[in-house]
Amino acid sequence: MADDLYLLQEQLKTAKNLKGETSRQFKSIEKGSANYQNLLLKMQDISAQIKTIEAQLKSLEANTKSLSENDPTPLNSSVLLKPPFYLIDENKCWGKDFSCKTLTDDQIFSWDKFVKQHHAPGYHNSAWFALIKKSFGHDTRILVAEDEQGNVLGGLPLTFFSSKLFGKFAISIPYVNYGGVVSHYFDIAQALIQAAQEIRAKENLSHVEIRTMQAGLAKNSLDKKVSMVLQLPNTDEELDKELGAKVRAQYKKAESYFPSVKFGKLELLDDFYKVFARNMRDLGTPVYSRIWFENILKEEEIKSTLIVVYMENKPVSTGFLVGGHNILEIPWASTIQSANAKNANMWMYRQILSFAINEGYQYFDFGRSTLGAGTYKFKKQWGALAYAHHWYYMLPEGETKPELNPDNPKYKLVIFLWKLMPVWLTKIIGPQIIKHIP
């Protein structure tokens, strides 16, 4: 119920922002014209949507209050607290003169200092941009806003892609779960997004995609993705109680197959990649190169760990963990399909949660999912709450957002054929394709 409440609140905020943007358009349109009538109908639709969401919120809040009054047990603390995602106060604006520019290579140190001071996601650290360049060959530019004294007010990293298959575009930030603008000021964040639109037009890019958790920054946004995050208790015993009998029964089922687990780094990379590549083939998805994961593990500024679960001395389930800001995240995970019947995946996640608690993390981030999808339901059963993402698309006039993902129907045949390929061949071909799909 808590994640439903949060999502409705985010939807209401987005709808109200859209209503404000639409209202401002009336000033530039002749009253009584066809465009005016169309805009009026749009405004009526948005108002009706807001009224519906407000009614749903009111009902859900009443149910939540009723449950808490009738149940003397205190609410789970994960309902009351939010993880420290990077968000900008929409009421805080700079309101003074500033200018935008792209940082040069010798100015990157100032960016890392700025990011650290603002407690931005670790993916904004220039170490990640260097890894992307080293592993995939894509350049990242950092667009910043500065005051008249040259002090950085905000920044937006953009990674540029160019290929015959997918064209030219830019992403903030590709391959990972979090990106977007870093700033204390909402108007600066909006100005940087507008500057990204100007770069798109100047360099004739098909689109610029900005991945954030911030609502209301611009038009053309997508909010069907969520992060699934569990607030962790202080002890393993408390976690077992919170998970409940149904989840406990599922991961304990694996124990009859005598699983074992290892946490480590490069010494586990071969076993990790063996499972990961096979699972990606089975899903019909091109696999990342082994060097991508090796490069991350070798980077001292990134706190990364591999987990591998074994059954009968063979690796069957794996995860790649990244830690920072009191959150342990799992950007990549895979389980061999034959091991799913043995609940190896459930058992692995239980070991990860124990690891996170022992390492002192306050939250575990199960990663990004589409609302209602199978992965969303899997993560929700662990008690994880949903936190909305807001992705913005800078597009040419009249163009629609691109669909560079497996949900696009035109990739259906390719996915089917990919599943028939031997794993060794996908390891050769896959990295050459996936490096262009952020």
Protein backbone atom coordinates (compact mmCIF):
# COMPACT_ATOMS: atom_id res chain seq x y z
CA MET A 1 0.00 0.00 0.00
CA ALA A 2 2.85 2.37 0.74
CA ASP A 3 4.36 2.08 -2.74
CA ASP A 4 0.90 2.64 -4.29
CA LEU A 5 0.54 5.78 -2.18
CA TYR A 6 3.94 7.08 -3.24
CA LEU A 7 3.29 6.42 -6.93
CA LEU A 8 -0.07 8.22 -6.81
CA GLN A 9 1.62 11.20 -5.17
CA GLU A 10 4.23 11.24 -7.95
CA GLN A 11 1.52 10.96 -10.62
CA LEU A 12 -0.37 13.86 -9.06
CA LYS A 13 2.76 16.01 -9.01
CA THR A 14 3.47 15.21 -12.67
CA ALA A 15 -0.14 15.95 -13.71
CA LYS A 16 -0.14 19.29 -11.88
CA ASN A 17 3.14 20.28 -13.52
CA LEU A 18 1.66 19.39 -16.91
CA LYS A 19 -1.43 21.45 -16.13
CA GLY A 20 0.79 24.45 -15.33
CA GLU A 21 2.74 24.04 -18.58
CA THR A 22 -0.48 23.73 -20.59
CA SER A 23 -2.01 26.76 -18.90
CA ARG A 24 0.94 28.91 -19.91
CA GLN A 25 0.46 27.98 -23.57
CA PHE A 26 -2.87 29.85 -23.68
CA LYS A 27 -0.96 33.15 -23.67
CA SER A 28 0.50 32.51 -27.12
CA ILE A 29 -2.64 31.17 -28.84
CA GLU A 30 -5.49 33.16 -30.32
CA LYS A 31 -8.69 32.73 -28.35
CA GLY A 32 -11.38 30.87 -30.29
CA SER A 33 -8.93 29.30 -32.78
CA ALA A 34 -8.76 25.56 -33.48
CA ASN A 35 -5.48 25.32 -31.52
CA TYR A 36 -7.14 27.13 -28.62
CA GLN A 37 -10.03 24.63 -28.60
CA ASN A 38 -7.63 21.67 -28.74
CA LEU A 39 -5.63 23.12 -25.85
CA LEU A 40 -8.85 23.66 -23.91
CA LEU A 41 -9.78 20.00 -24.37
CA LYS A 42 -6.30 18.96 -23.25
CA MET A 43 -6.64 21.12 -20.14
CA GLN A 44 -10.01 19.54 -19.35
CA ASP A 45 -8.52 16.04 -19.71
CA ILE A 46 -5.64 16.90 -17.39
CA SER A 47 -8.02 18.43 -14.82
CA ALA A 48 -10.15 15.29 -14.92
CA GLN A 49 -7.03 13.16 -14.46
CA ILE A 50 -5.99 15.24 -11.44
CA LYS A 51 -9.43 14.89 -9.91
CA THR A 52 -9.32 11.10 -10.36
CA ILE A 53 -5.84 10.80 -8.83
CA GLU A 54 -6.86 13.00 -5.89
CA ALA A 55 -9.89 10.79 -5.26
CA GLN A 56 -7.71 7.66 -5.36
CA LEU A 57 -5.23 9.27 -2.98
CA LYS A 58 -7.96 10.25 -0.56
CA SER A 59 -9.35 6.73 -0.56
CA LEU A 60 -5.93 5.11 -0.13
CA GLU A 61 -4.93 7.50 2.66
CA ALA A 62 -8.19 6.72 4.48
CA ASN A 63 -7.55 2.98 4.18
CA THR A 64 -3.98 3.42 5.42
CA LYS A 65 -5.20 5.42 8.43
CA SER A 66 -7.89 2.83 9.19
CA LEU A 67 -5.36 -0.02 9.07
CA SER A 68 -2.93 1.77 11.38
CA GLU A 69 -5.70 2.60 13.89
CA ASN A 70 -7.01 -0.97 14.00
CA ASP A 71 -3.60 -2.62 14.14
CA PRO A 72 -1.60 -1.89 17.32
CA THR A 73 1.59 -3.14 15.64
CA PRO A 74 3.82 -0.21 14.61
CA LEU A 75 4.16 0.40 10.88
CA ASN A 76 7.25 -1.11 9.29
CA SER A 77 9.90 1.62 9.29
CA SER A 78 10.38 1.17 5.53
CA VAL A 79 6.95 2.74 5.05
CA LEU A 80 8.04 5.86 6.90
CA LEU A 81 11.46 6.57 5.39
CA LYS A 82 12.69 7.10 1.85
CA PRO A 83 16.13 6.12 0.59
CA PRO A 84 18.51 9.01 -0.09
CA PHE A 85 17.80 9.38 -3.80
CA TYR A 86 19.08 12.55 -5.41
CA LEU A 87 16.19 15.02 -5.75
CA ILE A 88 16.09 18.79 -6.28
CA ASP A 89 13.75 21.02 -4.27
CA GLU A 90 11.39 22.43 -6.91
CA ASN A 91 10.84 25.55 -4.78
CA LYS A 92 14.52 26.42 -4.64
CA CYS A 93 15.65 28.58 -7.58
CA TRP A 94 18.82 30.49 -8.43
CA GLY A 95 17.07 33.42 -10.07
CA LYS A 96 20.29 35.22 -11.05
CA ASP A 97 22.56 35.39 -14.08
CA PHE A 98 24.41 32.25 -15.15
CA SER A 99 25.84 30.68 -18.28
CA CYS A 100 26.17 27.13 -19.61
CA LYS A 101 29.27 25.52 -21.06
CA THR A 102 30.93 22.13 -21.57
CA LEU A 103 33.83 21.30 -19.25
CA THR A 104 37.24 20.61 -20.75
CA ASP A 105 39.25 17.53 -19.73
CA ASP A 106 41.45 19.54 -17.36
CA GLN A 107 38.35 20.81 -15.51
CA ILE A 108 36.95 17.37 -14.64
CA PHE A 109 38.42 17.50 -11.12
CA SER A 110 36.09 20.43 -10.34
CA TRP A 111 33.13 18.30 -11.43
CA ASP A 112 34.05 15.42 -9.12
CA LYS A 113 34.41 17.88 -6.24
CA PHE A 114 31.00 19.36 -7.04
CA VAL A 115 29.35 15.92 -7.27
CA LYS A 116 30.83 14.86 -3.93
CA GLN A 117 29.62 18.04 -2.21
CA HIS A 118 26.10 17.51 -3.57
CA HIS A 119 25.94 13.80 -2.58
CA ALA A 120 24.96 12.90 -6.14
CA PRO A 121 24.68 9.26 -7.28
CA GLY A 122 28.07 7.58 -7.62
CA TYR A 123 27.44 7.14 -11.35
CA HIS A 124 28.04 10.90 -11.77
CA ASN A 125 31.67 10.44 -10.75
CA SER A 126 33.99 10.87 -13.74
CA ALA A 127 35.43 7.40 -13.00
CA TRP A 128 32.27 5.94 -14.54
CA PHE A 129 32.63 8.07 -17.67
CA ALA A 130 36.21 6.85 -18.04
CA LEU A 131 34.98 3.26 -17.72
CA ILE A 132 32.33 3.80 -20.39
CA LYS A 133 34.96 5.25 -22.72
CA LYS A 134 37.41 2.44 -22.00
CA SER A 135 34.83 -0.36 -22.30
CA PHE A 136 32.55 0.90 -25.10
CA GLY A 137 34.40 3.77 -26.78
CA HIS A 138 31.73 6.42 -26.07
CA ASP A 139 32.71 9.95 -25.05
CA THR A 140 30.97 11.73 -22.19
CA ARG A 141 30.73 15.51 -21.99
CA ILE A 142 29.73 17.36 -18.85
CA LEU A 143 27.47 20.34 -19.44
CA VAL A 144 27.59 22.78 -16.50
CA ALA A 145 25.93 26.02 -15.44
CA GLU A 146 28.17 28.62 -13.79
CA ASP A 147 27.56 31.90 -12.01
CA GLU A 148 29.39 35.10 -12.97
CA GLN A 149 32.36 34.14 -10.77
CA GLY A 150 32.76 30.75 -12.47
CA ASN A 151 31.31 28.69 -9.61
CA VAL A 152 29.47 25.55 -10.74
CA LEU A 153 25.71 25.73 -10.05
CA GLY A 154 24.73 22.48 -11.69
CA GLY A 155 25.75 19.90 -14.25
CA LEU A 156 24.46 17.32 -16.69
CA PRO A 157 26.71 14.53 -18.05
CA LEU A 158 25.85 13.38 -21.58
CA THR A 159 27.29 10.26 -23.21
CA PHE A 160 27.26 10.35 -27.01
CA PHE A 161 26.43 7.38 -29.27
CA SER A 162 26.91 7.00 -33.01
CA SER A 163 26.30 3.89 -35.11
CA LYS A 164 24.88 2.95 -38.51
CA LEU A 165 22.30 0.71 -36.83
CA PHE A 166 20.90 3.09 -34.21
CA GLY A 167 22.05 6.55 -35.36
CA LYS A 168 23.36 9.45 -33.26
CA PHE A 169 21.98 10.27 -29.82
CA ALA A 170 23.02 11.08 -26.23
CA ILE A 171 22.11 9.59 -22.83
CA SER A 172 22.49 10.69 -19.22
CA ILE A 173 23.68 8.18 -17.99
CA PRO A 174 23.81 4.95 -20.08
CA TYR A 175 24.13 1.34 -18.87
CA VAL A 176 23.34 2.20 -15.22
CA ASN A 177 20.23 2.95 -13.16
CA TYR A 178 20.70 6.62 -12.23
CA GLY A 179 21.71 9.75 -14.10
CA GLY A 180 20.47 13.24 -14.93
CA VAL A 181 21.05 16.71 -13.53
CA VAL A 182 22.97 17.60 -10.37
CA SER A 183 22.11 20.99 -8.83
CA HIS A 184 20.64 22.65 -5.76
CA TYR A 185 18.44 24.81 -7.99
CA PHE A 186 15.37 23.71 -9.92
CA ASP A 187 15.59 26.50 -12.51
CA ILE A 188 19.24 25.60 -13.18
CA ALA A 189 18.24 21.96 -13.72
CA GLN A 190 15.57 23.03 -16.22
CA ALA A 191 18.03 25.33 -18.01
CA LEU A 192 20.55 22.50 -18.38
CA ILE A 193 17.90 20.29 -19.94
CA GLN A 194 17.04 23.08 -22.35
CA ALA A 195 20.75 23.39 -23.17
CA ALA A 196 20.77 19.66 -23.92
CA GLN A 197 17.94 20.26 -26.40
CA GLU A 198 20.04 22.92 -28.09
CA ILE A 199 22.97 20.47 -28.34
CA ARG A 200 20.62 17.89 -29.87
CA ALA A 201 19.53 20.35 -32.56
CA LYS A 202 23.02 21.70 -33.23
CA GLU A 203 24.59 18.24 -33.61
CA ASN A 204 21.58 16.74 -35.42
CA LEU A 205 21.02 13.98 -32.84
CA SER A 206 17.89 11.84 -33.10
CA HIS A 207 17.24 12.38 -29.39
CA VAL A 208 18.70 13.09 -25.96
CA GLU A 209 17.47 10.90 -23.11
CA ILE A 210 17.87 12.16 -19.52
CA ARG A 211 17.27 9.55 -16.81
CA THR A 212 16.32 11.04 -13.45
CA MET A 213 14.04 10.54 -10.46
CA GLN A 214 12.98 14.20 -10.65
CA ALA A 215 9.43 15.08 -11.72
CA GLY A 216 8.42 18.24 -13.58
CA LEU A 217 11.69 19.18 -15.26
CA ALA A 218 10.41 19.19 -18.85
CA LYS A 219 7.82 17.83 -21.26
CA ASN A 220 8.09 14.49 -23.09
CA SER A 221 8.73 12.42 -19.97
CA LEU A 222 8.28 8.72 -19.29
CA ASP A 223 7.50 7.47 -15.78
CA LYS A 224 6.73 3.75 -16.10
CA LYS A 225 10.08 2.72 -14.59
CA VAL A 226 10.59 2.40 -10.84
CA SER A 227 13.40 1.52 -8.47
CA MET A 228 12.49 -1.23 -6.01
CA VAL A 229 14.16 -0.55 -2.66
CA LEU A 230 14.00 -2.31 0.69
CA GLN A 231 14.87 -0.55 3.93
CA LEU A 232 17.03 -2.99 5.90
CA PRO A 233 16.64 -3.78 9.60
CA ASN A 234 19.62 -3.89 11.95
CA THR A 235 19.91 -7.67 12.18
CA ASP A 236 19.40 -10.78 10.10
CA GLU A 237 16.89 -12.08 12.65
CA GLU A 238 14.72 -8.98 12.24
CA LEU A 239 14.86 -9.38 8.47
CA ASP A 240 13.63 -12.97 8.66
CA LYS A 241 10.61 -11.84 10.67
CA GLU A 242 9.83 -9.02 8.25
CA LEU A 243 10.07 -11.22 5.15
CA GLY A 244 7.27 -13.49 6.30
CA ALA A 245 6.62 -17.21 6.03
CA LYS A 246 5.89 -17.33 2.28
CA VAL A 247 9.20 -15.77 1.22
CA ARG A 248 11.14 -17.75 3.85
CA ALA A 249 9.66 -20.99 2.49
CA GLN A 250 10.75 -20.11 -1.03
CA TYR A 251 14.42 -19.42 -0.33
CA LYS A 252 14.69 -22.29 2.17
CA LYS A 253 13.51 -24.68 -0.54
CA ALA A 254 16.93 -24.25 -2.17
CA GLU A 255 18.70 -25.60 0.92
CA SER A 256 17.72 -29.18 0.01
CA TYR A 257 20.09 -28.81 -2.97
CA PHE A 258 23.00 -27.82 -0.67
CA PRO A 259 23.90 -24.46 -2.24
CA SER A 260 27.08 -22.60 -1.37
CA VAL A 261 27.95 -18.95 -1.88
CA LYS A 262 31.05 -16.84 -2.51
CA PHE A 263 31.54 -13.08 -2.39
CA GLY A 264 34.56 -11.61 -4.10
CA LYS A 265 35.94 -9.68 -7.06
CA LEU A 266 38.10 -10.68 -10.02
CA GLU A 267 38.60 -14.22 -8.75
CA LEU A 268 34.87 -14.84 -9.33
CA LEU A 269 34.56 -13.05 -12.66
CA ASP A 270 34.81 -16.15 -14.87
CA ASP A 271 32.02 -17.91 -12.95
CA PHE A 272 29.91 -14.74 -12.91
CA TYR A 273 30.28 -14.19 -16.65
CA LYS A 274 29.59 -17.84 -17.48
CA VAL A 275 26.16 -17.62 -15.83
CA PHE A 276 25.47 -14.06 -17.01
CA ALA A 277 26.24 -14.78 -20.68
CA ARG A 278 24.15 -17.94 -20.72
CA ASN A 279 21.18 -16.22 -19.10
CA MET A 280 21.35 -13.27 -21.50
CA ARG A 281 21.34 -15.73 -24.42
CA ASP A 282 18.30 -17.51 -22.96
CA LEU A 283 16.50 -14.14 -22.67
CA GLY A 284 17.37 -13.26 -26.27
CA THR A 285 19.46 -10.27 -25.18
CA PRO A 286 22.98 -9.40 -26.42
CA VAL A 287 25.51 -9.74 -23.61
CA TYR A 288 27.96 -7.11 -22.36
CA SER A 289 31.63 -7.86 -22.84
CA ARG A 290 33.52 -9.45 -19.97
CA ILE A 291 35.91 -6.48 -20.01
CA TRP A 292 33.09 -4.11 -18.91
CA PHE A 293 32.69 -5.95 -15.62
CA GLU A 294 36.44 -6.43 -15.24
CA ASN A 295 37.04 -2.70 -15.64
CA ILE A 296 34.44 -1.86 -12.98
CA LEU A 297 35.90 -4.37 -10.52
CA LYS A 298 39.38 -2.93 -11.01
CA GLU A 299 38.28 0.68 -10.42
CA GLU A 300 39.28 1.60 -6.86
CA GLU A 301 36.78 4.46 -6.60
CA ILE A 302 33.84 2.06 -7.10
CA LYS A 303 32.81 -0.25 -4.28
CA SER A 304 31.86 -3.35 -6.26
CA THR A 305 31.41 -7.00 -5.27
CA LEU A 306 30.46 -10.21 -7.08
CA ILE A 307 28.27 -12.92 -5.60
CA VAL A 308 28.16 -16.44 -7.07
CA VAL A 309 25.91 -19.27 -5.87
CA TYR A 310 26.98 -22.85 -6.58
CA MET A 311 25.05 -26.10 -6.70
CA GLU A 312 26.97 -29.34 -7.17
CA ASN A 313 30.10 -27.17 -7.47
CA LYS A 314 28.74 -25.39 -10.56
CA PRO A 315 27.87 -21.67 -10.70
CA VAL A 316 24.10 -21.27 -11.17
CA SER A 317 23.18 -17.81 -9.88
CA THR A 318 25.16 -14.56 -9.84
CA GLY A 319 24.91 -10.87 -9.05
CA PHE A 320 27.04 -7.76 -9.50
CA LEU A 321 26.80 -5.44 -6.45
CA VAL A 322 27.66 -1.75 -6.22
CA GLY A 323 27.57 0.18 -2.93
CA GLY A 324 27.34 3.84 -2.02
CA HIS A 325 25.34 6.42 -0.01
CA ASN A 326 24.09 3.75 2.45
CA ILE A 327 22.54 1.75 -0.43
CA LEU A 328 23.73 -1.58 -1.83
CA GLU A 329 22.52 -1.96 -5.41
CA ILE A 330 22.40 -4.92 -7.81
CA PRO A 331 22.60 -3.52 -11.36
CA TRP A 332 23.09 -6.96 -12.94
CA ALA A 333 21.93 -10.41 -11.88
CA SER A 334 21.41 -13.74 -13.62
CA THR A 335 20.34 -17.29 -12.84
CA ILE A 336 20.53 -20.31 -15.13
CA GLN A 337 16.96 -21.24 -16.02
CA SER A 338 17.30 -24.86 -14.86
CA ALA A 339 18.26 -23.59 -11.37
CA ASN A 340 15.08 -21.51 -11.02
CA ALA A 341 13.11 -24.63 -10.15
CA LYS A 342 15.51 -25.11 -7.23
CA ASN A 343 14.89 -21.52 -6.05
CA ALA A 344 18.57 -20.67 -6.45
CA ASN A 345 17.65 -17.07 -7.30
CA MET A 346 15.60 -16.62 -4.12
CA TRP A 347 18.38 -18.14 -2.03
CA MET A 348 20.95 -15.83 -3.62
CA TYR A 349 18.95 -12.70 -2.83
CA ARG A 350 18.59 -13.81 0.78
CA GLN A 351 22.40 -14.13 1.02
CA ILE A 352 22.78 -10.67 -0.54
CA LEU A 353 20.43 -9.12 2.05
CA SER A 354 22.47 -10.71 4.86
CA PHE A 355 25.64 -9.35 3.26
CA ALA A 356 24.11 -5.86 3.01
CA ILE A 357 23.12 -5.86 6.69
CA ASN A 358 26.55 -7.12 7.79
CA GLU A 359 28.24 -4.43 5.67
CA GLY A 360 26.18 -1.74 7.42
CA TYR A 361 23.96 -0.64 4.52
CA GLN A 362 20.57 0.87 5.37
CA TYR A 363 18.89 0.03 2.06
CA PHE A 364 19.03 -2.61 -0.63
CA ASP A 365 18.19 -1.50 -4.17
CA PHE A 366 16.81 -4.42 -6.19
CA GLY A 367 17.23 -2.35 -9.35
CA ARG A 368 14.96 -0.84 -11.94
CA SER A 369 11.75 -2.47 -13.17
CA THR A 370 8.72 -1.65 -15.28
CA LEU A 371 5.56 -1.29 -13.20
CA GLY A 372 3.61 -4.56 -13.15
CA ALA A 373 6.30 -6.60 -14.91
CA GLY A 374 7.53 -9.95 -13.63
CA THR A 375 10.71 -8.47 -12.15
CA TYR A 376 8.60 -5.82 -10.37
CA LYS A 377 6.47 -8.54 -8.72
CA PHE A 378 9.55 -10.56 -7.78
CA LYS A 379 11.10 -7.59 -6.00
CA LYS A 380 7.87 -6.49 -4.36
CA GLN A 381 7.46 -9.84 -2.59
CA TRP A 382 10.62 -9.03 -0.60
CA GLY A 383 8.93 -5.94 0.81
CA ALA A 384 10.64 -3.52 -1.57
CA LEU A 385 8.86 -0.22 -2.23
CA ALA A 386 8.58 1.42 -5.65
CA TYR A 387 10.16 4.82 -6.35
CA ALA A 388 9.31 6.44 -9.67
CA HIS A 389 11.82 7.37 -12.35
CA HIS A 390 11.25 10.29 -14.72
CA TRP A 391 13.02 10.04 -18.07
CA TYR A 392 12.96 13.08 -20.35
CA TYR A 393 13.32 13.03 -24.13
CA MET A 394 14.68 15.93 -26.14
CA LEU A 395 13.27 15.32 -29.63
CA PRO A 396 12.87 17.11 -32.96
CA GLU A 397 9.44 18.68 -33.41
CA GLY A 398 6.81 16.03 -34.12
CA GLU A 399 9.08 13.03 -33.43
CA THR A 400 8.21 10.28 -30.92
CA LYS A 401 10.57 8.78 -28.39
CA PRO A 402 12.73 5.86 -29.58
CA GLU A 403 12.14 2.27 -28.48
CA LEU A 404 15.62 0.76 -28.16
CA ASN A 405 14.46 -2.07 -25.90
CA PRO A 406 13.21 -5.68 -26.06
CA ASP A 407 9.57 -4.51 -25.72
CA ASN A 408 9.70 -3.11 -29.25
CA PRO A 409 7.72 -5.56 -31.48
CA LYS A 410 10.15 -5.13 -34.39
CA TYR A 411 12.85 -6.92 -32.36
CA LYS A 412 10.64 -9.96 -31.68
CA LEU A 413 12.13 -12.11 -34.48
CA VAL A 414 15.69 -11.07 -33.63
CA ILE A 415 15.15 -12.05 -29.97
CA PHE A 416 13.74 -15.44 -31.03
CA LEU A 417 16.73 -16.16 -33.28
CA TRP A 418 19.21 -14.97 -30.64
CA LYS A 419 17.91 -17.58 -28.21
CA LEU A 420 18.89 -20.28 -30.71
CA MET A 421 22.53 -19.20 -30.94
CA PRO A 422 25.33 -21.00 -29.06
CA VAL A 423 26.53 -19.05 -26.02
CA TRP A 424 30.12 -18.84 -27.30
CA LEU A 425 28.92 -17.02 -30.42
CA THR A 426 26.79 -14.54 -28.45
CA LYS A 427 29.90 -13.62 -26.45
CA ILE A 428 31.58 -12.56 -29.70
CA ILE A 429 28.67 -10.82 -31.46
CA GLY A 430 26.71 -9.56 -28.44
CA PRO A 431 29.19 -6.96 -27.11
CA GLN A 432 29.41 -5.33 -30.56
CA ILE A 433 25.63 -4.79 -30.53
CA ILE A 434 24.89 -4.03 -26.88
CA LYS A 435 27.49 -1.27 -26.67
CA HIS A 436 25.15 0.81 -28.86
CA ILE A 437 22.06 0.03 -26.72
CA PRO A 438 22.20 2.05 -23.48
